[in-house]
Amino acid sequence: MAKTRAVRGATLNQESTRFNLAQREADGDWLDAQSDIDGAPPPLRTTVTVEKPRTILTRNNSPDIGFDRSVNPYRGCEHGCIYCFARPSHAFHDLSPGLDFESKLFAKPDAPALLRAELQKRNYACRPIAFGTNTDPYQPIEAAWRITRGCIEVLAACDHPITITTKSDRVTRDIDLLAPMAAKGLAAVMLSVTTLDPRTAMTVEPRATTPMRRIAAIRTLSDAGIPVFVSLAPVIPQITDHEIEHILELAAQAGARSAFFLPVRLPHEVAPLFRAWLDAHFPDRAAKVMATIQSIRGGRDNDPDFFSRMKGQGPWAELLRTRFRIAARRHGLDGARIQLRTDLFRPPPGPQGELF
């Protein structure tokens, strides 16, 4: 029963593909030997299982989210961010939201074909498609699988708008596709920068691109004419909140157009994982961190309610908002919003080269 509910109509190839460690090392991130902070984390024995879903577009009508459809080329994420709100979704596959989420990944190689079929439907109404809403579309396995790139190729060919949220500078490898789209008003990228401190980043986001490489990616994308925004999501009180002003300053210098932030959320199984992480890495302030989070979340570890879950409540939340607003205004990151064109879209040709 659990398995049936988990798969939700998808069929899974039972043969898993062992991801090439040498390729991961060449890609960089914390697996580079460039960081001599305290030594890089041990590499995971990552497995990738092919998933064959029937559809690829996920739709939502949440009042808290600025998009109504998204594509997730992968399930699970090797970046291993301890706060990731997507971790509980791995339980649908009878896998743990902890280490399994980071090491037992699912790839959807049929995603570009499924996306093309969706766009060919007679009743399809064009709106921006968001990538990076659940797990990172540019996590390390994208270097080999290139599913995200395949989806972008489909969208580029029919002038369909796209937004991308990522913690990886790997997104710059698709500038050849994204820059022409951006020139038409069809593409925007959101780089997530949660901390600039290497030690903190190595524990909270152990296999994501190092902070300064993300800042460099903002510059690279901006120089290519691609609208790039910076996301301080999440801000962790007593751990990263003191960096708000500095992150915004560097992002602005790198060419970011605007910014937003989100206080840390700890839904379902994420809360105990986060608490264990605090005890291991910040035992001196673990209790204070959780007390502050609970003050922001109405006395709970997490607030799941619409309208309040994305911004928090109480004095601490208001203080974070005030600091963010002042810093964003100071650095010119408080104006631009993502606005993409939808009027250029034309359905992709069908199998015989004719429109459906």
Protein backbone atom coordinates (compact mmCIF):
# COMPACT_ATOMS: atom_id res chain seq x y z
CA MET A 1 0.00 0.00 0.00
CA ALA A 2 2.73 2.47 0.98
CA LYS A 3 4.68 1.65 -2.15
CA THR A 4 1.66 2.12 -4.36
CA ARG A 5 0.87 5.46 -2.77
CA ALA A 6 4.52 6.47 -2.99
CA VAL A 7 5.01 5.85 -6.65
CA ARG A 8 1.75 7.59 -7.57
CA GLY A 9 1.49 6.11 -11.03
CA ALA A 10 5.19 6.11 -11.80
CA THR A 11 7.07 2.97 -12.69
CA LEU A 12 10.57 2.64 -11.32
CA ASN A 13 13.44 0.91 -13.02
CA GLN A 14 14.80 -1.39 -10.35
CA GLU A 15 18.34 -1.15 -11.63
CA SER A 16 20.12 1.74 -9.94
CA THR A 17 22.95 3.63 -11.58
CA ARG A 18 26.02 4.33 -9.50
CA PHE A 19 27.02 7.96 -10.10
CA ASN A 20 30.61 8.47 -11.18
CA LEU A 21 32.61 9.84 -8.26
CA ALA A 22 35.36 11.19 -10.48
CA GLN A 23 32.78 13.29 -12.33
CA ARG A 24 31.44 14.65 -9.03
CA GLU A 25 34.93 15.64 -7.95
CA ALA A 26 35.58 17.37 -11.25
CA ASP A 27 32.36 19.33 -10.89
CA GLY A 28 33.63 20.93 -7.69
CA ASP A 29 31.47 22.02 -4.77
CA TRP A 30 32.79 20.82 -1.40
CA LEU A 31 34.17 17.71 -3.12
CA ASP A 32 36.93 19.92 -4.49
CA ALA A 33 40.04 19.57 -2.42
CA GLN A 34 40.22 23.37 -2.61
CA SER A 35 38.82 23.83 0.88
CA ASP A 36 41.15 23.18 3.78
CA ILE A 37 38.63 24.36 6.36
CA ASP A 38 38.27 21.11 8.30
CA GLY A 39 38.48 18.70 5.39
CA ALA A 40 35.70 17.96 2.91
CA PRO A 41 32.84 15.69 4.00
CA PRO A 42 33.21 12.05 2.96
CA PRO A 43 31.67 11.33 -0.44
CA LEU A 44 28.32 9.58 -0.42
CA ARG A 45 27.69 6.28 -2.16
CA THR A 46 25.04 7.85 -4.30
CA THR A 47 22.65 5.70 -6.30
CA VAL A 48 20.29 6.98 -8.96
CA THR A 49 17.11 5.11 -9.84
CA VAL A 50 15.32 5.84 -13.10
CA GLU A 51 11.75 6.97 -12.54
CA LYS A 52 9.20 6.96 -15.35
CA PRO A 53 6.29 9.22 -14.37
CA ARG A 54 3.25 9.65 -16.58
CA THR A 55 3.36 13.46 -16.36
CA ILE A 56 6.04 15.99 -15.46
CA LEU A 57 4.21 19.24 -14.68
CA THR A 58 3.28 19.76 -11.03
CA ARG A 59 0.55 22.33 -10.48
CA ASN A 60 -0.38 24.23 -7.32
CA ASN A 61 -2.81 26.92 -6.26
CA SER A 62 -1.02 28.05 -3.11
CA PRO A 63 -1.56 31.73 -2.23
CA ASP A 64 1.99 31.83 -0.82
CA ILE A 65 3.75 30.88 -4.05
CA GLY A 66 4.24 33.06 -7.09
CA PHE A 67 3.99 30.29 -9.69
CA ASP A 68 1.31 27.77 -10.54
CA ARG A 69 3.39 25.05 -12.23
CA SER A 70 6.80 23.49 -11.84
CA VAL A 71 9.07 20.72 -13.10
CA ASN A 72 11.31 18.61 -10.87
CA PRO A 73 13.75 16.51 -12.94
CA TYR A 74 14.96 14.71 -9.79
CA ARG A 75 13.72 13.42 -6.43
CA GLY A 76 16.10 13.72 -3.51
CA CYS A 77 19.11 16.02 -3.53
CA GLU A 78 22.77 15.28 -2.99
CA HIS A 79 23.42 18.80 -1.71
CA GLY A 80 22.30 17.53 1.69
CA CYS A 81 20.98 20.83 3.08
CA ILE A 82 19.85 19.97 6.60
CA TYR A 83 16.88 22.36 6.51
CA CYS A 84 15.46 21.19 3.16
CA PHE A 85 11.65 21.18 3.33
CA ALA A 86 11.54 18.52 0.58
CA ARG A 87 13.09 15.82 2.78
CA PRO A 88 9.76 14.39 4.00
CA SER A 89 8.78 13.56 0.41
CA HIS A 90 11.28 10.69 0.42
CA ALA A 91 9.13 8.91 2.97
CA PHE A 92 6.60 8.35 0.16
CA HIS A 93 9.14 5.90 -1.27
CA ASP A 94 9.62 4.19 2.11
CA LEU A 95 13.03 5.87 2.32
CA SER A 96 14.40 8.01 5.13
CA PRO A 97 14.20 11.81 4.91
CA GLY A 98 17.75 11.80 6.30
CA LEU A 99 20.65 10.10 4.54
CA ASP A 100 18.44 8.35 1.97
CA PHE A 101 17.19 11.72 0.74
CA GLU A 102 20.79 12.71 0.03
CA SER A 103 22.07 9.44 -1.40
CA LYS A 104 19.18 7.46 -2.93
CA LEU A 105 18.14 9.72 -5.75
CA PHE A 106 15.58 9.41 -8.53
CA ALA A 107 16.08 10.79 -12.03
CA LYS A 108 13.40 11.34 -14.67
CA PRO A 109 15.15 11.10 -18.05
CA ASP A 110 11.80 11.21 -19.87
CA ALA A 111 11.12 14.68 -18.46
CA PRO A 112 11.95 16.61 -21.69
CA ALA A 113 9.67 14.36 -23.78
CA LEU A 114 6.88 14.58 -21.20
CA LEU A 115 7.25 18.35 -21.07
CA ARG A 116 7.05 18.60 -24.84
CA ALA A 117 3.85 16.50 -24.83
CA GLU A 118 2.33 18.75 -22.16
CA LEU A 119 3.06 21.89 -24.19
CA GLN A 120 1.47 20.33 -27.27
CA LYS A 121 -1.93 19.96 -25.64
CA ARG A 122 -4.68 22.05 -27.22
CA ASN A 123 -5.80 23.51 -23.91
CA TYR A 124 -2.32 24.37 -22.62
CA ALA A 125 -2.15 27.99 -21.34
CA CYS A 126 1.35 29.41 -21.16
CA ARG A 127 2.66 30.56 -17.77
CA PRO A 128 6.27 30.53 -16.47
CA ILE A 129 7.44 27.08 -15.41
CA ALA A 130 9.51 27.01 -12.21
CA PHE A 131 12.50 24.70 -11.78
CA GLY A 132 14.09 24.14 -8.37
CA THR A 133 10.92 24.27 -6.32
CA ASN A 134 11.39 20.93 -4.57
CA THR A 135 14.92 19.67 -5.18
CA ASP A 136 17.80 21.42 -6.93
CA PRO A 137 17.74 21.03 -10.73
CA TYR A 138 21.52 21.55 -10.78
CA GLN A 139 22.57 19.14 -8.06
CA PRO A 140 25.76 17.20 -8.95
CA ILE A 141 24.04 14.40 -10.89
CA GLU A 142 22.80 16.93 -13.47
CA ALA A 143 26.35 17.00 -14.84
CA ALA A 144 25.90 13.44 -16.10
CA TRP A 145 22.13 13.14 -16.61
CA ARG A 146 21.55 16.60 -18.15
CA ILE A 147 17.79 16.31 -17.67
CA THR A 148 17.38 19.94 -16.64
CA ARG A 149 19.24 21.03 -19.75
CA GLY A 150 17.02 18.82 -21.89
CA CYS A 151 13.93 20.50 -20.46
CA ILE A 152 15.38 23.96 -21.10
CA GLU A 153 16.05 22.97 -24.70
CA VAL A 154 12.36 22.12 -25.10
CA LEU A 155 11.27 25.44 -23.61
CA ALA A 156 13.81 27.45 -25.61
CA ALA A 157 12.63 25.91 -28.88
CA CYS A 158 9.06 27.11 -28.36
CA ASP A 159 9.79 30.40 -26.55
CA HIS A 160 8.29 29.31 -23.24
CA PRO A 161 9.23 31.28 -20.06
CA ILE A 162 11.22 29.60 -17.28
CA THR A 163 12.42 30.46 -13.78
CA ILE A 164 15.23 28.54 -12.07
CA THR A 165 16.14 28.42 -8.38
CA THR A 166 19.43 26.76 -7.48
CA LYS A 167 22.33 26.66 -5.05
CA SER A 168 24.77 25.58 -7.76
CA ASP A 169 27.01 27.52 -10.12
CA ARG A 170 26.41 24.63 -12.53
CA VAL A 171 23.55 26.73 -13.92
CA THR A 172 26.15 28.86 -15.73
CA ARG A 173 26.89 25.90 -18.01
CA ASP A 174 23.50 26.46 -19.66
CA ILE A 175 24.09 30.12 -20.44
CA ASP A 176 24.12 29.24 -24.14
CA LEU A 177 20.41 28.42 -23.79
CA LEU A 178 19.39 30.86 -21.06
CA ALA A 179 20.99 34.03 -22.45
CA PRO A 180 19.03 34.02 -25.75
CA MET A 181 15.85 33.26 -23.79
CA ALA A 182 16.57 36.11 -21.38
CA ALA A 183 17.08 38.48 -24.32
CA LYS A 184 13.47 37.73 -25.26
CA GLY A 185 12.23 38.16 -21.67
CA LEU A 186 11.78 34.43 -21.15
CA ALA A 187 14.27 33.44 -18.42
CA ALA A 188 15.29 34.42 -14.89
CA VAL A 189 17.51 32.70 -12.33
CA MET A 190 17.39 32.79 -8.53
CA LEU A 191 20.65 31.97 -6.73
CA SER A 192 20.18 30.84 -3.14
CA VAL A 193 22.88 32.19 -0.80
CA THR A 194 22.27 31.37 2.85
CA THR A 195 25.69 32.05 4.35
CA LEU A 196 29.10 33.35 3.33
CA ASP A 197 30.95 31.53 6.09
CA PRO A 198 32.72 28.42 4.72
CA ARG A 199 32.53 26.49 7.98
CA THR A 200 28.81 27.08 8.38
CA ALA A 201 28.14 26.29 4.72
CA MET A 202 30.08 23.05 4.90
CA THR A 203 27.85 21.76 7.68
CA VAL A 204 24.46 23.20 6.75
CA GLU A 205 24.78 22.60 2.96
CA PRO A 206 27.58 20.02 2.80
CA ARG A 207 27.58 19.27 -0.93
CA ALA A 208 26.27 22.49 -2.42
CA THR A 209 28.46 24.94 -4.29
CA THR A 210 30.62 27.02 -1.98
CA PRO A 211 29.22 30.47 -1.14
CA MET A 212 31.64 32.63 -3.10
CA ARG A 213 31.20 30.48 -6.19
CA ARG A 214 27.50 31.25 -6.00
CA ILE A 215 28.29 34.96 -5.82
CA ALA A 216 30.57 34.51 -8.83
CA ALA A 217 27.72 32.73 -10.64
CA ILE A 218 25.51 35.78 -10.07
CA ARG A 219 28.14 37.89 -11.82
CA THR A 220 28.52 35.42 -14.69
CA LEU A 221 24.78 35.23 -15.29
CA SER A 222 24.32 38.97 -14.99
CA ASP A 223 27.16 39.66 -17.42
CA ALA A 224 25.40 37.33 -19.89
CA GLY A 225 22.26 39.45 -19.68
CA ILE A 226 20.26 36.96 -17.63
CA PRO A 227 18.12 38.53 -14.87
CA VAL A 228 19.44 37.04 -11.64
CA PHE A 229 17.96 37.37 -8.18
CA VAL A 230 19.34 36.36 -4.79
CA SER A 231 17.43 34.29 -2.27
CA LEU A 232 18.33 34.27 1.42
CA ALA A 233 16.33 31.14 2.06
CA PRO A 234 16.37 30.13 4.72
CA VAL A 235 17.67 32.58 7.29
CA ILE A 236 18.55 30.61 10.44
CA PRO A 237 18.30 32.74 13.60
CA GLN A 238 21.46 32.81 15.73
CA ILE A 239 23.35 30.96 12.95
CA THR A 240 23.17 32.96 9.70
CA ASP A 241 20.94 35.98 10.41
CA HIS A 242 23.95 38.21 11.16
CA GLU A 243 25.00 37.84 7.50
CA ILE A 244 21.89 39.34 5.88
CA GLU A 245 23.45 42.72 5.15
CA HIS A 246 26.75 41.34 3.85
CA ILE A 247 25.11 38.79 1.54
CA LEU A 248 22.91 41.47 0.01
CA GLU A 249 25.90 43.78 -0.43
CA LEU A 250 27.94 41.18 -2.31
CA ALA A 251 24.96 40.05 -4.38
CA ALA A 252 24.28 43.61 -5.47
CA GLN A 253 27.92 44.13 -6.39
CA ALA A 254 27.74 40.94 -8.46
CA GLY A 255 24.76 42.22 -10.44
CA ALA A 256 21.70 40.76 -8.73
CA ARG A 257 18.51 42.66 -9.54
CA SER A 258 16.47 41.97 -6.42
CA ALA A 259 16.29 39.73 -3.37
CA PHE A 260 13.97 37.98 -0.97
CA PHE A 261 14.35 36.00 2.26
CA LEU A 262 12.53 33.28 4.17
CA PRO A 263 12.90 32.31 7.85
CA VAL A 264 13.82 28.65 8.28
CA ARG A 265 10.91 26.18 8.15
CA LEU A 266 11.03 22.77 9.84
CA PRO A 267 8.11 20.67 8.55
CA HIS A 268 7.51 17.07 9.64
CA GLU A 269 10.72 14.99 9.81
CA VAL A 270 12.93 18.02 9.12
CA ALA A 271 12.58 19.27 12.71
CA PRO A 272 14.26 16.32 14.48
CA LEU A 273 16.98 16.20 11.82
CA PHE A 274 17.62 19.91 12.31
CA ARG A 275 17.69 19.54 16.08
CA ALA A 276 20.26 16.74 15.80
CA TRP A 277 22.34 18.93 13.48
CA LEU A 278 22.23 21.79 15.99
CA ASP A 279 23.32 19.50 18.82
CA ALA A 280 26.24 18.25 16.74
CA HIS A 281 27.51 21.55 15.33
CA PHE A 282 26.19 24.30 17.60
CA PRO A 283 25.67 22.72 21.04
CA ASP A 284 26.44 26.04 22.73
CA ARG A 285 23.36 27.71 21.23
CA ALA A 286 21.06 24.89 20.13
CA ALA A 287 18.39 25.67 22.72
CA LYS A 288 18.49 29.39 21.90
CA VAL A 289 18.17 28.73 18.17
CA MET A 290 15.11 26.52 18.65
CA ALA A 291 13.51 28.98 21.07
CA THR A 292 13.91 31.75 18.48
CA ILE A 293 12.52 29.58 15.68
CA GLN A 294 9.52 28.69 17.81
CA SER A 295 8.92 32.36 18.57
CA ILE A 296 8.79 32.99 14.82
CA ARG A 297 6.53 29.97 14.23
CA GLY A 298 3.84 30.64 16.81
CA GLY A 299 5.34 28.44 19.51
CA ARG A 300 5.89 25.45 17.20
CA ASP A 301 8.85 24.11 15.27
CA ASN A 302 6.92 24.81 12.08
CA ASP A 303 3.94 26.89 11.01
CA PRO A 304 2.17 25.22 8.06
CA ASP A 305 -0.52 27.88 7.64
CA PHE A 306 -0.94 29.89 4.46
CA PHE A 307 0.10 33.55 4.61
CA SER A 308 2.20 33.14 7.76
CA ARG A 309 4.40 30.13 6.91
CA MET A 310 6.59 32.08 4.48
CA LYS A 311 7.19 35.14 6.64
CA GLY A 312 6.82 34.13 10.29
CA GLN A 313 5.32 36.13 13.11
CA GLY A 314 6.30 37.97 16.28
CA PRO A 315 9.11 40.37 17.20
CA TRP A 316 11.93 38.21 15.82
CA ALA A 317 10.27 37.84 12.44
CA GLU A 318 9.56 41.55 12.29
CA LEU A 319 13.18 42.33 13.17
CA LEU A 320 14.43 40.12 10.34
CA ARG A 321 12.01 41.76 7.89
CA THR A 322 13.07 45.25 8.94
CA ARG A 323 16.78 44.49 8.62
CA PHE A 324 16.23 42.86 5.25
CA ARG A 325 14.14 45.73 3.90
CA ILE A 326 16.69 48.34 4.98
CA ALA A 327 19.64 46.43 3.51
CA ALA A 328 17.80 45.61 0.28
CA ARG A 329 16.86 49.26 -0.17
CA ARG A 330 20.41 50.39 0.56
CA HIS A 331 21.82 48.12 -2.14
CA GLY A 332 19.09 48.61 -4.72
CA LEU A 333 17.65 45.11 -4.36
CA ASP A 334 14.13 46.10 -3.36
CA GLY A 335 12.57 46.96 -6.70
CA ALA A 336 12.72 44.51 -9.58
CA ARG A 337 10.38 41.52 -9.69
CA ILE A 338 10.48 38.56 -12.02
CA GLN A 339 8.36 39.43 -15.03
CA LEU A 340 8.51 37.12 -18.03
CA ARG A 341 6.71 37.16 -21.34
CA THR A 342 4.12 34.56 -22.28
CA ASP A 343 2.97 36.01 -25.60
CA LEU A 344 5.84 34.54 -27.63
CA PHE A 345 4.96 30.92 -26.88
CA ARG A 346 4.18 28.62 -29.77
CA PRO A 347 3.40 24.93 -29.20
CA PRO A 348 6.17 22.52 -30.19
CA PRO A 349 5.59 20.55 -33.39
CA GLY A 350 3.99 17.14 -33.06
CA PRO A 351 5.61 13.85 -34.07
CA GLN A 352 4.90 14.50 -37.76
CA GLY A 353 6.08 18.09 -37.63
CA GLU A 354 2.56 19.47 -37.40
CA LEU A 355 0.92 21.25 -34.52
CA PHE A 356 -1.64 19.29 -32.50
